[in-house]
PDB file of N, CA and C in Angstrom:
ATOM      1  N   MET A   1      96.241 101.077  92.993  1.00  0.00           N
ATOM      2  CA  MET A   1      97.328 102.340  92.689  1.00  0.00           C
ATOM      3  C   MET A   1      96.918 103.129  91.722  1.00  0.00           C
ATOM      4  N   GLY A   2      97.140 104.522  91.815  1.00  0.00           N
ATOM      5  CA  GLY A   2      96.848 105.295  90.712  1.00  0.00           C
ATOM      6  C   GLY A   2      97.822 105.210  89.453  1.00  0.00           C
ATOM      7  N   GLU A   3      97.465 106.219  88.853  1.00  0.00           N
ATOM      8  CA  GLU A   3      98.287 106.150  87.432  1.00  0.00           C
ATOM      9  C   GLU A   3      99.296 107.423  87.303  1.00  0.00           C
ATOM     10  N   ARG A   4     100.086 107.909  88.320  1.00  0.00           N
ATOM     11  CA  ARG A   4     100.539 109.351  88.343  1.00  0.00           C
ATOM     12  C   ARG A   4     101.950 108.658  88.118  1.00  0.00           C
ATOM     13  N   GLN A   5     102.469 109.689  87.033  1.00  0.00           N
ATOM     14  CA  GLN A   5     104.231 109.300  86.716  1.00  0.00           C
ATOM     15  C   GLN A   5     105.068 109.787  87.535  1.00  0.00           C
ATOM     16  N   ASP A   6     104.596 110.471  88.930  1.00  0.00           N
ATOM     17  CA  ASP A   6     105.890 110.929  89.573  1.00  0.00           C
ATOM     18  C   ASP A   6     105.557 109.996  90.710  1.00  0.00           C
ATOM     19  N   GLN A   7     104.759 109.520  90.937  1.00  0.00           N
ATOM     20  CA  GLN A   7     104.003 108.097  92.029  1.00  0.00           C
ATOM     21  C   GLN A   7     105.229 107.628  92.058  1.00  0.00           C
ATOM     22  N   ILE A   8     105.581 107.339  93.595  1.00  0.00           N
ATOM     23  CA  ILE A   8     106.460 106.178  94.162  1.00  0.00           C
ATOM     24  C   ILE A   8     105.495 105.057  95.247  1.00  0.00           C
ATOM     25  N   VAL A   9     105.366 103.654  94.771  1.00  0.00           N
ATOM     26  CA  VAL A   9     104.510 102.807  95.125  1.00  0.00           C
ATOM     27  C   VAL A   9     105.446 101.800  96.055  1.00  0.00           C
ATOM     28  N   VAL A  10     104.786 102.175  97.616  1.00  0.00           N
ATOM     29  CA  VAL A  10     105.385 101.232  98.366  1.00  0.00           C
ATOM     30  C   VAL A  10     104.658 100.577  98.921  1.00  0.00           C
ATOM     31  N   PHE A  11     104.744  99.136  98.630  1.00  0.00           N
ATOM     32  CA  PHE A  11     103.904  98.293  99.289  1.00  0.00           C
ATOM     33  C   PHE A  11     104.552  97.599 101.027  1.00  0.00           C
ATOM     34  N   CYS A  12     102.867  97.653 101.940  1.00  0.00           N
ATOM     35  CA  CYS A  12     103.849  97.983 103.258  1.00  0.00           C
ATOM     36  C   CYS A  12     103.019  96.798 104.376  1.00  0.00           C
ATOM     37  N   CYS A  13     104.343  95.641 104.568  1.00  0.00           N
ATOM     38  CA  CYS A  13     103.939  94.530 105.431  1.00  0.00           C
ATOM     39  C   CYS A  13     102.922  95.376 106.382  1.00  0.00           C
ATOM     40  N   ARG A  14     101.545  94.639 106.590  1.00  0.00           N
ATOM     41  CA  ARG A  14     101.086  95.674 108.163  1.00  0.00           C
ATOM     42  C   ARG A  14     101.806  95.498 109.224  1.00  0.00           C
ATOM     43  N   HIS A  15     102.499  93.816 109.328  1.00  0.00           N
ATOM     44  CA  HIS A  15     103.300  94.177 110.661  1.00  0.00           C
ATOM     45  C   HIS A  15     104.488  94.572 111.132  1.00  0.00           C
ATOM     46  N   SER A  16     104.669  95.486 110.443  1.00  0.00           N
ATOM     47  CA  SER A  16     106.189  96.097 110.046  1.00  0.00           C
ATOM     48  C   SER A  16     106.122  97.240 109.436  1.00  0.00           C
ATOM     49  N   SER A  17     106.277  97.750 108.340  1.00  0.00           N
ATOM     50  CA  SER A  17     106.149  99.339 107.549  1.00  0.00           C
ATOM     51  C   SER A  17     105.330 100.008 108.196  1.00  0.00           C
ATOM     52  N   TRP A  18     103.889  98.888 107.818  1.00  0.00           N
ATOM     53  CA  TRP A  18     102.177  99.938 107.708  1.00  0.00           C
ATOM     54  C   TRP A  18     102.746 100.202 108.918  1.00  0.00           C
ATOM     55  N   ARG A  19     102.665  99.352 110.176  1.00  0.00           N
ATOM     56  CA  ARG A  19     102.998 100.489 111.896  1.00  0.00           C
ATOM     57  C   ARG A  19     103.396 101.183 111.771  1.00  0.00           C
ATOM     58  N   ALA A  20     105.263 101.109 111.492  1.00  0.00           N
ATOM     59  CA  ALA A  20     106.262 102.445 111.530  1.00  0.00           C
ATOM     60  C   ALA A  20     105.606 103.521 110.764  1.00  0.00           C
ATOM     61  N   ALA A  21     104.773 103.782 109.719  1.00  0.00           N
ATOM     62  CA  ALA A  21     104.128 104.388 108.921  1.00  0.00           C
ATOM     63  C   ALA A  21     102.799 105.606 109.862  1.00  0.00           C
ATOM     64  N   ALA A  22     101.941 104.802 110.544  1.00  0.00           N
ATOM     65  CA  ALA A  22     100.881 104.847 111.285  1.00  0.00           C
ATOM     66  C   ALA A  22     102.122 105.524 112.650  1.00  0.00           C
ATOM     67  N   ARG A  23     103.079 105.354 113.162  1.00  0.00           N
ATOM     68  CA  ARG A  23     103.507 105.677 113.845  1.00  0.00           C
ATOM     69  C   ARG A  23     104.380 107.350 113.624  1.00  0.00           C
ATOM     70  N   GLY A  24     105.010 106.788 112.463  1.00  0.00           N
ATOM     71  CA  GLY A  24     105.062 108.592 111.847  1.00  0.00           C
ATOM     72  C   GLY A  24     103.985 109.311 112.050  1.00  0.00           C
ATOM     73  N   THR A  25     102.775 108.896 110.959  1.00  0.00           N
ATOM     74  CA  THR A  25     101.742 109.542 111.068  1.00  0.00           C
ATOM     75  C   THR A  25     101.249 110.980 112.169  1.00  0.00           C
ATOM     76  N   ARG A  26     101.568 109.930 113.337  1.00  0.00           N
ATOM     77  CA  ARG A  26     101.421 110.308 115.247  1.00  0.00           C
ATOM     78  C   ARG A  26     102.182 111.207 115.807  1.00  0.00           C
ATOM     79  N   GLU A  27     103.611 111.261 114.969  1.00  0.00           N
ATOM     80  CA  GLU A  27     104.561 111.655 115.444  1.00  0.00           C
ATOM     81  C   GLU A  27     105.122 112.966 114.632  1.00  0.00           C
ATOM     82  N   GLY A  28     104.299 113.017 113.473  1.00  0.00           N
ATOM     83  CA  GLY A  28     104.984 114.389 112.744  1.00  0.00           C
ATOM     84  C   GLY A  28     105.851 114.045 111.679  1.00  0.00           C
ATOM     85  N   LEU A  29     105.542 112.895 111.190  1.00  0.00           N
ATOM     86  CA  LEU A  29     107.027 112.469 110.072  1.00  0.00           C
ATOM     87  C   LEU A  29     106.042 111.916 109.239  1.00  0.00           C
ATOM     88  N   PRO A  30     106.100 112.947 108.261  1.00  0.00           N
ATOM     89  CA  PRO A  30     105.133 113.062 106.818  1.00  0.00           C
ATOM     90  C   PRO A  30     106.173 112.276 105.938  1.00  0.00           C
ATOM     91  N   LEU A  31     105.684 111.490 104.703  1.00  0.00           N
ATOM     92  CA  LEU A  31     106.152 110.962 103.718  1.00  0.00           C
ATOM     93  C   LEU A  31     106.278 112.091 102.699  1.00  0.00           C
ATOM     94  N   PRO A  32     106.860 111.954 101.631  1.00  0.00           N
ATOM     95  CA  PRO A  32     106.688 112.702 100.292  1.00  0.00           C
ATOM     96  C   PRO A  32     105.560 112.532  99.396  1.00  0.00           C
ATOM     97  N   PRO A  33     105.162 113.970  99.126  1.00  0.00           N
ATOM     98  CA  PRO A  33     103.763 113.646  98.356  1.00  0.00           C
ATOM     99  C   PRO A  33     103.462 112.393  97.636  1.00  0.00           C
ATOM    100  N   PRO A  34     104.423 112.292  96.842  1.00  0.00           N
ATOM    101  CA  PRO A  34     104.102 111.759  95.755  1.00  0.00           C
ATOM    102  C   PRO A  34     104.299 109.877  96.279  1.00  0.00           C
ATOM    103  N   VAL A  35     104.887 109.360  98.005  1.00  0.00           N
ATOM    104  CA  VAL A  35     104.213 108.149  97.922  1.00  0.00           C
ATOM    105  C   VAL A  35     103.076 107.906  98.257  1.00  0.00           C
ATOM    106  N   GLN A  36     102.973 106.212  97.583  1.00  0.00           N
ATOM    107  CA  GLN A  36     101.376 106.065  97.847  1.00  0.00           C
ATOM    108  C   GLN A  36     101.995 104.604  98.458  1.00  0.00           C
ATOM    109  N   LEU A  37     101.677 104.643  99.779  1.00  0.00           N
ATOM    110  CA  LEU A  37     101.415 103.235 100.973  1.00  0.00           C
ATOM    111  C   LEU A  37     100.074 102.545 100.330  1.00  0.00           C
ATOM    112  N   ILE A  38     100.698 101.266  99.877  1.00  0.00           N
ATOM    113  CA  ILE A  38      99.624 100.277 100.099  1.00  0.00           C
ATOM    114  C   ILE A  38     100.025  98.987 101.039  1.00  0.00           C
ATOM    115  N   LEU A  39      99.265  98.763 101.787  1.00  0.00           N
ATOM    116  CA  LEU A  39      98.789  97.603 103.133  1.00  0.00           C
ATOM    117  C   LEU A  39      98.557  96.346 102.319  1.00  0.00           C
ATOM    118  N   VAL A  40      99.409  95.546 102.126  1.00  0.00           N
ATOM    119  CA  VAL A  40      99.632  94.066 101.936  1.00  0.00           C
ATOM    120  C   VAL A  40      99.786  93.222 103.428  1.00  0.00           C
ATOM    121  N   PRO A  41      99.119  92.236 103.077  1.00  0.00           N
ATOM    122  CA  PRO A  41      99.329  91.553 104.733  1.00  0.00           C
ATOM    123  C   PRO A  41     100.710  91.191 105.290  1.00  0.00           C
ATOM    124  N   CYS A  42     101.773  90.560 104.128  1.00  0.00           N
ATOM    125  CA  CYS A  42     102.823  90.267 104.094  1.00  0.00           C
ATOM    126  C   CYS A  42     103.559  90.542 102.891  1.00  0.00           C
ATOM    127  N   SER A  43     105.061  90.962 103.000  1.00  0.00           N
ATOM    128  CA  SER A  43     105.372  91.224 102.066  1.00  0.00           C
ATOM    129  C   SER A  43     105.492  90.085 100.830  1.00  0.00           C
ATOM    130  N   GLY A  44     105.614  89.045 101.877  1.00  0.00           N
ATOM    131  CA  GLY A  44     105.839  88.059 100.898  1.00  0.00           C
ATOM    132  C   GLY A  44     104.733  87.747  99.661  1.00  0.00           C
ATOM    133  N   ARG A  45     103.357  88.300  99.956  1.00  0.00           N
ATOM    134  CA  ARG A  45     102.428  88.194  98.797  1.00  0.00           C
ATOM    135  C   ARG A  45     102.612  89.079  97.911  1.00  0.00           C
ATOM    136  N   VAL A  46     103.421  90.379  97.972  1.00  0.00           N
ATOM    137  CA  VAL A  46     103.314  90.950  96.977  1.00  0.00           C
ATOM    138  C   VAL A  46     104.208  90.061  95.583  1.00  0.00           C
ATOM    139  N   SER A  47     103.510  89.704  94.363  1.00  0.00           N
ATOM    140  CA  SER A  47     104.025  88.662  93.252  1.00  0.00           C
ATOM    141  C   SER A  47     104.906  89.796  92.269  1.00  0.00           C
ATOM    142  N   MET A  48     105.362  88.976  91.668  1.00  0.00           N
ATOM    143  CA  MET A  48     106.532  90.165  90.546  1.00  0.00           C
ATOM    144  C   MET A  48     105.080  90.679  89.652  1.00  0.00           C
ATOM    145  N   GLU A  49     104.349  90.270  89.456  1.00  0.00           N
ATOM    146  CA  GLU A  49     103.467  90.635  88.281  1.00  0.00           C
ATOM    147  C   GLU A  49     102.657  91.862  88.841  1.00  0.00           C
ATOM    148  N   LEU A  50     102.659  92.204  90.605  1.00  0.00           N
ATOM    149  CA  LEU A  50     101.846  92.970  91.051  1.00  0.00           C
ATOM    150  C   LEU A  50     103.142  94.342  91.166  1.00  0.00           C
ATOM    151  N   ILE A  51     104.448  94.054  91.289  1.00  0.00           N
ATOM    152  CA  ILE A  51     104.897  95.231  90.947  1.00  0.00           C
ATOM    153  C   ILE A  51     105.551  95.572  89.331  1.00  0.00           C
ATOM    154  N   LEU A  52     105.309  94.660  88.753  1.00  0.00           N
ATOM    155  CA  LEU A  52     105.345  95.264  87.270  1.00  0.00           C
ATOM    156  C   LEU A  52     104.301  95.702  86.921  1.00  0.00           C
ATOM    157  N   ALA A  53     103.080  95.692  87.655  1.00  0.00           N
ATOM    158  CA  ALA A  53     101.757  96.009  87.139  1.00  0.00           C
ATOM    159  C   ALA A  53     101.853  97.359  87.584  1.00  0.00           C
ATOM    160  N   ALA A  54     102.455  97.839  88.249  1.00  0.00           N
ATOM    161  CA  ALA A  54     102.891  99.331  89.136  1.00  0.00           C
ATOM    162  C   ALA A  54     103.137 100.139  88.475  1.00  0.00           C
ATOM    163  N   LEU A  55     104.364  99.580  87.814  1.00  0.00           N
ATOM    164  CA  LEU A  55     105.474 100.199  86.695  1.00  0.00           C
ATOM    165  C   LEU A  55     104.972 100.508  85.523  1.00  0.00           C
ATOM    166  N   GLU A  56     103.580  99.456  85.351  1.00  0.00           N
ATOM    167  CA  GLU A  56     103.375  99.920  83.726  1.00  0.00           C
ATOM    168  C   GLU A  56     102.150 100.969  84.174  1.00  0.00           C
ATOM    169  N   ARG A  57     101.574 100.782  84.774  1.00  0.00           N
ATOM    170  CA  ARG A  57     100.588 102.171  85.333  1.00  0.00           C
ATOM    171  C   ARG A  57     101.330 103.380  85.752  1.00  0.00           C
ATOM    172  N   GLY A  58     102.612 103.111  85.510  1.00  0.00           N
ATOM    173  CA  GLY A  58     103.235 104.762  85.845  1.00  0.00           C
ATOM    174  C   GLY A  58     104.017 105.172  86.938  1.00  0.00           C
ATOM    175  N   ALA A  59     104.124 103.797  87.646  1.00  0.00           N
ATOM    176  CA  ALA A  59     104.773 104.490  88.656  1.00  0.00           C
ATOM    177  C   ALA A  59     106.197 104.661  88.555  1.00  0.00           C
ATOM    178  N   ARG A  60     106.361 105.453  89.190  1.00  0.00           N
ATOM    179  CA  ARG A  60     108.036 106.355  88.498  1.00  0.00           C
ATOM    180  C   ARG A  60     108.852 104.896  89.599  1.00  0.00           C
ATOM    181  N   GLY A  61     108.712 104.751  90.496  1.00  0.00           N
ATOM    182  CA  GLY A  61     109.311 103.638  91.782  1.00  0.00           C
ATOM    183  C   GLY A  61     108.427 102.754  92.201  1.00  0.00           C
ATOM    184  N   VAL A  62     109.011 101.396  92.881  1.00  0.00           N
ATOM    185  CA  VAL A  62     107.656 100.568  93.147  1.00  0.00           C
ATOM    186  C   VAL A  62     109.115  99.736  94.347  1.00  0.00           C
ATOM    187  N   MET A  63     108.877 100.142  95.862  1.00  0.00           N
ATOM    188  CA  MET A  63     109.505  99.297  97.260  1.00  0.00           C
ATOM    189  C   MET A  63     108.357  98.516  97.553  1.00  0.00           C
ATOM    190  N   VAL A  64     109.187  97.362  98.443  1.00  0.00           N
ATOM    191  CA  VAL A  64     108.647  96.214  98.778  1.00  0.00           C
ATOM    192  C   VAL A  64     109.351  96.390 100.242  1.00  0.00           C
ATOM    193  N   LEU A  65     108.417  96.743 101.785  1.00  0.00           N
ATOM    194  CA  LEU A  65     109.203  97.024 102.938  1.00  0.00           C
ATOM    195  C   LEU A  65     108.351  95.723 103.628  1.00  0.00           C
ATOM    196  N   GLY A  66     109.845  95.216 104.204  1.00  0.00           N
ATOM    197  CA  GLY A  66     109.350  93.341 104.830  1.00  0.00           C
ATOM    198  C   GLY A  66     109.891  93.773 106.117  1.00  0.00           C
ATOM    199  N   CYS A  67     109.336  92.573 107.076  1.00  0.00           N
ATOM    200  CA  CYS A  67     110.419  92.303 108.118  1.00  0.00           C
ATOM    201  C   CYS A  67     111.688  92.389 108.641  1.00  0.00           C
ATOM    202  N   HIS A  68     111.890  92.295 109.375  1.00  0.00           N
ATOM    203  CA  HIS A  68     113.621  91.795 109.438  1.00  0.00           C
ATOM    204  C   HIS A  68     114.033  90.741 109.239  1.00  0.00           C
ATOM    205  N   PRO A  69     114.602  90.204 109.210  1.00  0.00           N
ATOM    206  CA  PRO A  69     114.971  88.429 109.185  1.00  0.00           C
ATOM    207  C   PRO A  69     114.479  88.038 110.281  1.00  0.00           C
ATOM    208  N   GLY A  70     113.498  86.835 110.543  1.00  0.00           N
ATOM    209  CA  GLY A  70     113.800  86.152 111.848  1.00  0.00           C
ATOM    210  C   GLY A  70     112.312  86.462 112.273  1.00  0.00           C
ATOM    211  N   ALA A  71     111.928  87.974 111.815  1.00  0.00           N
ATOM    212  CA  ALA A  71     111.063  88.448 112.484  1.00  0.00           C
ATOM    213  C   ALA A  71     109.289  88.339 111.773  1.00  0.00           C
ATOM    214  N   CYS A  72     109.696  87.752 111.093  1.00  0.00           N
ATOM    215  CA  CYS A  72     108.357  87.630 109.737  1.00  0.00           C
ATOM    216  C   CYS A  72     106.917  86.859 110.287  1.00  0.00           C
ATOM    217  N   HIS A  73     106.287  87.041 110.459  1.00  0.00           N
ATOM    218  CA  HIS A  73     104.511  86.371 110.928  1.00  0.00           C
ATOM    219  C   HIS A  73     104.555  85.270 110.170  1.00  0.00           C
ATOM    220  N   HIS A  74     104.771  85.368 108.994  1.00  0.00           N
ATOM    221  CA  HIS A  74     104.973  84.199 107.716  1.00  0.00           C
ATOM    222  C   HIS A  74     106.209  83.456 107.759  1.00  0.00           C
ATOM    223  N   LEU A  75     106.835  83.665 108.462  1.00  0.00           N
ATOM    224  CA  LEU A  75     107.998  83.061 108.414  1.00  0.00           C
ATOM    225  C   LEU A  75     109.077  83.780 106.993  1.00  0.00           C
ATOM    226  N   TYR A  76     108.253  83.547 106.115  1.00  0.00           N
ATOM    227  CA  TYR A  76     109.606  83.645 104.739  1.00  0.00           C
ATOM    228  C   TYR A  76     109.278  84.627 104.280  1.00  0.00           C
ATOM    229  N   GLY A  77     107.671  84.951 105.108  1.00  0.00           N
ATOM    230  CA  GLY A  77     107.704  86.434 103.724  1.00  0.00           C
ATOM    231  C   GLY A  77     108.728  87.218 102.967  1.00  0.00           C
ATOM    232  N   GLY A  78     110.007  87.317 104.035  1.00  0.00           N
ATOM    233  CA  GLY A  78     110.556  88.445 103.400  1.00  0.00           C
ATOM    234  C   GLY A  78     111.379  88.310 102.739  1.00  0.00           C
ATOM    235  N   GLU A  79     111.572  86.996 102.314  1.00  0.00           N
ATOM    236  CA  GLU A  79     112.941  86.220 101.798  1.00  0.00           C
ATOM    237  C   GLU A  79     111.993  85.909 100.455  1.00  0.00           C
ATOM    238  N   ARG A  80     111.205  85.663 100.601  1.00  0.00           N
ATOM    239  CA  ARG A  80     110.097  85.428  99.032  1.00  0.00           C
ATOM    240  C   ARG A  80     110.282  87.211  98.341  1.00  0.00           C
ATOM    241  N   ALA A  81     109.830  87.663  99.324  1.00  0.00           N
ATOM    242  CA  ALA A  81     109.476  89.239  98.945  1.00  0.00           C
ATOM    243  C   ALA A  81     111.003  89.664  98.055  1.00  0.00           C
ATOM    244  N   ARG A  82     112.253  89.619  99.034  1.00  0.00           N
ATOM    245  CA  ARG A  82     113.517  89.751  98.387  1.00  0.00           C
ATOM    246  C   ARG A  82     113.976  89.320  96.899  1.00  0.00           C
ATOM    247  N   GLU A  83     113.329  87.937  97.235  1.00  0.00           N
ATOM    248  CA  GLU A  83     113.722  87.295  95.796  1.00  0.00           C
ATOM    249  C   GLU A  83     113.160  88.041  94.881  1.00  0.00           C
ATOM    250  N   ARG A  84     111.504  88.328  94.572  1.00  0.00           N
ATOM    251  CA  ARG A  84     111.197  88.666  93.848  1.00  0.00           C
ATOM    252  C   ARG A  84     111.602  89.923  92.995  1.00  0.00           C
ATOM    253  N   VAL A  85     111.829  90.660  94.120  1.00  0.00           N
ATOM    254  CA  VAL A  85     112.618  92.218  93.905  1.00  0.00           C
ATOM    255  C   VAL A  85     113.424  92.142  92.980  1.00  0.00           C
ATOM    256  N   THR A  86     114.459  91.123  93.363  1.00  0.00           N
ATOM    257  CA  THR A  86     115.619  90.693  92.709  1.00  0.00           C
ATOM    258  C   THR A  86     115.300  90.680  91.243  1.00  0.00           C
ATOM    259  N   ALA A  87     114.458  89.756  91.044  1.00  0.00           N
ATOM    260  CA  ALA A  87     114.004  88.944  89.876  1.00  0.00           C
ATOM    261  C   ALA A  87     113.433  89.879  89.282  1.00  0.00           C
ATOM    262  N   VAL A  88     112.888  91.274  89.512  1.00  0.00           N
ATOM    263  CA  VAL A  88     112.376  91.977  88.957  1.00  0.00           C
ATOM    264  C   VAL A  88     113.204  93.218  88.203  1.00  0.00           C
ATOM    265  N   GLN A  89     113.943  93.263  89.016  1.00  0.00           N
ATOM    266  CA  GLN A  89     115.479  93.905  88.795  1.00  0.00           C
ATOM    267  C   GLN A  89     116.496  93.609  87.755  1.00  0.00           C
ATOM    268  N   GLN A  90     116.276  91.732  87.947  1.00  0.00           N
ATOM    269  CA  GLN A  90     116.427  91.021  86.449  1.00  0.00           C
ATOM    270  C   GLN A  90     116.313  91.956  85.673  1.00  0.00           C
ATOM    271  N   ARG A  91     115.018  91.638  85.681  1.00  0.00           N
ATOM    272  CA  ARG A  91     113.827  91.457  84.131  1.00  0.00           C
ATOM    273  C   ARG A  91     113.929  93.059  83.399  1.00  0.00           C
ATOM    274  N   LEU A  92     114.163  94.126  84.501  1.00  0.00           N
ATOM    275  CA  LEU A  92     114.334  95.095  83.996  1.00  0.00           C
ATOM    276  C   LEU A  92     115.640  95.443  82.996  1.00  0.00           C
ATOM    277  N   GLN A  93     116.746  94.934  84.186  1.00  0.00           N
ATOM    278  CA  GLN A  93     117.941  95.382  83.281  1.00  0.00           C
ATOM    279  C   GLN A  93     118.079  94.785  82.331  1.00  0.00           C
ATOM    280  N   GLU A  94     117.592  93.198  81.668  1.00  0.00           N
ATOM    281  CA  GLU A  94     117.563  92.392  80.604  1.00  0.00           C
ATOM    282  C   GLU A  94     116.758  93.794  79.507  1.00  0.00           C
ATOM    283  N   ALA A  95     115.930  94.514  79.963  1.00  0.00           N
ATOM    284  CA  ALA A  95     115.022  95.057  78.873  1.00  0.00           C
ATOM    285  C   ALA A  95     115.280  96.364  78.976  1.00  0.00           C
ATOM    286  N   GLY A  96     116.651  95.996  79.399  1.00  0.00           N
ATOM    287  CA  GLY A  96     117.240  98.044  79.019  1.00  0.00           C
ATOM    288  C   GLY A  96     115.973  99.379  80.172  1.00  0.00           C
ATOM    289  N   LEU A  97     115.822  98.853  81.264  1.00  0.00           N
ATOM    290  CA  LEU A  97     115.449 100.138  82.160  1.00  0.00           C
ATOM    291  C   LEU A  97     116.217  99.573  83.169  1.00  0.00           C
ATOM    292  N   GLU A  98     115.600 100.782  84.297  1.00  0.00           N
ATOM    293  CA  GLU A  98     116.618 101.024  85.056  1.00  0.00           C
ATOM    294  C   GLU A  98     116.120  99.784  86.128  1.00  0.00           C
ATOM    295  N   PRO A  99     116.749  99.322  86.651  1.00  0.00           N
ATOM    296  CA  PRO A  99     116.632  98.163  87.877  1.00  0.00           C
ATOM    297  C   PRO A  99     116.198  98.747  89.193  1.00  0.00           C
ATOM    298  N   GLU A 100     116.811  99.828  89.402  1.00  0.00           N
ATOM    299  CA  GLU A 100     117.148 101.065  90.416  1.00  0.00           C
ATOM    300  C   GLU A 100     115.753 101.488  90.862  1.00  0.00           C
ATOM    301  N   ARG A 101     114.963 101.335  89.724  1.00  0.00           N
ATOM    302  CA  ARG A 101     113.055 101.880  90.320  1.00  0.00           C
ATOM    303  C   ARG A 101     112.068 100.610  90.692  1.00  0.00           C
ATOM    304  N   VAL A 102     113.083  99.843  91.541  1.00  0.00           N
ATOM    305  CA  VAL A 102     112.351  98.738  92.112  1.00  0.00           C
ATOM    306  C   VAL A 102     113.641  98.192  93.635  1.00  0.00           C
ATOM    307  N   ALA A 103     112.970  98.036  94.617  1.00  0.00           N
ATOM    308  CA  ALA A 103     113.722  98.104  95.480  1.00  0.00           C
ATOM    309  C   ALA A 103     113.197  96.958  96.586  1.00  0.00           C
ATOM    310  N   PHE A 104     113.928  96.846  97.346  1.00  0.00           N
ATOM    311  CA  PHE A 104     113.376  96.067  98.792  1.00  0.00           C
ATOM    312  C   PHE A 104     114.140  96.658  99.898  1.00  0.00           C
ATOM    313  N   ALA A 105     113.140  95.999 101.171  1.00  0.00           N
ATOM    314  CA  ALA A 105     114.322  97.016 102.406  1.00  0.00           C
ATOM    315  C   ALA A 105     113.352  96.222 103.739  1.00  0.00           C
ATOM    316  N   THR A 106     113.462  95.985 104.872  1.00  0.00           N
ATOM    317  CA  THR A 106     112.970  95.505 105.950  1.00  0.00           C
ATOM    318  C   THR A 106     113.515  96.520 107.090  1.00  0.00           C
ATOM    319  N   LEU A 107     112.239  96.552 107.651  1.00  0.00           N
ATOM    320  CA  LEU A 107     112.175  97.950 108.810  1.00  0.00           C
ATOM    321  C   LEU A 107     111.175  96.999 110.017  1.00  0.00           C
ATOM    322  N   GLY A 108     111.698  97.367 110.993  1.00  0.00           N
ATOM    323  CA  GLY A 108     110.469  97.365 112.459  1.00  0.00           C
ATOM    324  C   GLY A 108     108.921  98.129 112.432  1.00  0.00           C
ATOM    325  N   PRO A 109     108.423  97.172 113.189  1.00  0.00           N
ATOM    326  CA  PRO A 109     107.042  98.162 113.325  1.00  0.00           C
ATOM    327  C   PRO A 109     107.211  99.524 114.276  1.00  0.00           C
ATOM    328  N   ASP A 110     108.160 100.102 114.953  1.00  0.00           N
ATOM    329  CA  ASP A 110     108.414 101.178 115.009  1.00  0.00           C
ATOM    330  C   ASP A 110     109.577 101.780 114.785  1.00  0.00           C
ATOM    331  N   SER A 111     109.806 101.793 113.617  1.00  0.00           N
ATOM    332  CA  SER A 111     110.945 103.019 113.625  1.00  0.00           C
ATOM    333  C   SER A 111     110.658 103.387 112.190  1.00  0.00           C
ATOM    334  N   ALA A 112     109.634 104.242 112.707  1.00  0.00           N
ATOM    335  CA  ALA A 112     108.730 105.742 111.815  1.00  0.00           C
ATOM    336  C   ALA A 112     110.308 106.946 110.947  1.00  0.00           C
ATOM    337  N   ALA A 113     111.219 106.994 111.536  1.00  0.00           N
ATOM    338  CA  ALA A 113     112.249 107.875 111.402  1.00  0.00           C
ATOM    339  C   ALA A 113     112.954 106.794 110.262  1.00  0.00           C
ATOM    340  N   ASP A 114     113.330 105.631 110.421  1.00  0.00           N
ATOM    341  CA  ASP A 114     114.013 105.043 109.252  1.00  0.00           C
ATOM    342  C   ASP A 114     112.692 104.430 108.213  1.00  0.00           C
ATOM    343  N   LEU A 115     111.913 104.823 108.573  1.00  0.00           N
ATOM    344  CA  LEU A 115     110.476 104.191 106.961  1.00  0.00           C
ATOM    345  C   LEU A 115     111.114 105.574 106.296  1.00  0.00           C
ATOM    346  N   VAL A 116     110.715 106.889 106.923  1.00  0.00           N
ATOM    347  CA  VAL A 116     110.636 107.946 105.824  1.00  0.00           C
ATOM    348  C   VAL A 116     112.383 108.221 105.451  1.00  0.00           C
ATOM    349  N   ARG A 117     113.288 108.154 105.732  1.00  0.00           N
ATOM    350  CA  ARG A 117     114.759 107.884 105.843  1.00  0.00           C
ATOM    351  C   ARG A 117     114.676 106.721 104.495  1.00  0.00           C
ATOM    352  N   ILE A 118     114.148 105.612 104.244  1.00  0.00           N
ATOM    353  CA  ILE A 118     114.471 104.803 103.502  1.00  0.00           C
ATOM    354  C   ILE A 118     113.661 104.912 102.235  1.00  0.00           C
ATOM    355  N   VAL A 119     112.526 105.511 102.581  1.00  0.00           N
ATOM    356  CA  VAL A 119     111.836 105.780 101.114  1.00  0.00           C
ATOM    357  C   VAL A 119     112.533 106.960 100.380  1.00  0.00           C
ATOM    358  N   THR A 120     112.555 108.088 101.358  1.00  0.00           N
ATOM    359  CA  THR A 120     113.176 109.568 100.660  1.00  0.00           C
ATOM    360  C   THR A 120     114.562 108.770  99.942  1.00  0.00           C
ATOM    361  N   GLU A 121     114.988 108.287 100.229  1.00  0.00           N
ATOM    362  CA  GLU A 121     116.561 108.112  99.860  1.00  0.00           C
ATOM    363  C   GLU A 121     116.324 106.762  98.939  1.00  0.00           C
ATOM    364  N   PHE A 122     115.062 106.422  98.507  1.00  0.00           N
ATOM    365  CA  PHE A 122     115.335 105.364  97.035  1.00  0.00           C
ATOM    366  C   PHE A 122     114.305 106.384  96.173  1.00  0.00           C
ATOM    367  N   MET A 123     113.377 107.254  97.002  1.00  0.00           N
ATOM    368  CA  MET A 123     112.776 108.726  95.722  1.00  0.00           C
ATOM    369  C   MET A 123     113.511 109.142  95.488  1.00  0.00           C
ATOM    370  N   GLU A 124     114.395 110.565  95.886  1.00  0.00           N
ATOM    371  CA  GLU A 124     115.328 110.896  95.668  1.00  0.00           C
ATOM    372  C   GLU A 124     115.885 110.704  93.887  1.00  0.00           C
ATOM    373  N   PRO A 125     116.860 110.055  93.732  1.00  0.00           N
ATOM    374  CA  PRO A 125     117.758 109.855  92.635  1.00  0.00           C
ATOM    375  C   PRO A 125     116.294 109.589  91.655  1.00  0.00           C
ATOM    376  N   LEU A 126     115.220 109.226  91.846  1.00  0.00           N
ATOM    377  CA  LEU A 126     114.339 108.844  90.790  1.00  0.00           C
ATOM    378  C   LEU A 126     113.597 109.653  90.164  1.00  0.00           C
ATOM    379  N   MET A 127     113.241 110.489  91.162  1.00  0.00           N
ATOM    380  CA  MET A 127     112.555 112.002  91.175  1.00  0.00           C
ATOM    381  C   MET A 127     113.667 112.973  90.601  1.00  0.00           C
ATOM    382  N   GLY A 128     114.512 112.820  90.154  1.00  0.00           N
ATOM    383  CA  GLY A 128     115.837 114.043  89.679  1.00  0.00           C
ATOM    384  C   GLY A 128     115.542 113.762  87.837  1.00  0.00           C
ATOM    385  N   ASP A 129     114.537 113.051  87.434  1.00  0.00           N
ATOM    386  CA  ASP A 129     114.870 113.212  85.722  1.00  0.00           C
ATOM    387  C   ASP A 129     113.758 114.316  85.356  1.00  0.00           C
TER     388      ASP A 129
END
């Protein structure tokens, strides 16, 4: 992870959102420049500490993208990731910080256009500062 203040870090499950990103590249659907995609074996492997570390290093926002419910290759990875993101949002709110700087969403491997839309909708309000 870099240390740019305008960066949006997106952790991508290799079975879903990473494949959607690759498809988007082939189809000419680019993500905005401040987005840094990080490949993870499963969204369930993204810990609270990793999300917080990205924020501490200067990321403006962190998104975790997992498989749709029932489609996780590791059974419950997406559910674990959603719970961790919710816990980080609660911690941010308790600390007086913006919980909307962290988000979770699900995505299928063939959803390149949805990936661009989801990440852009997450990113736009954060970049307005």
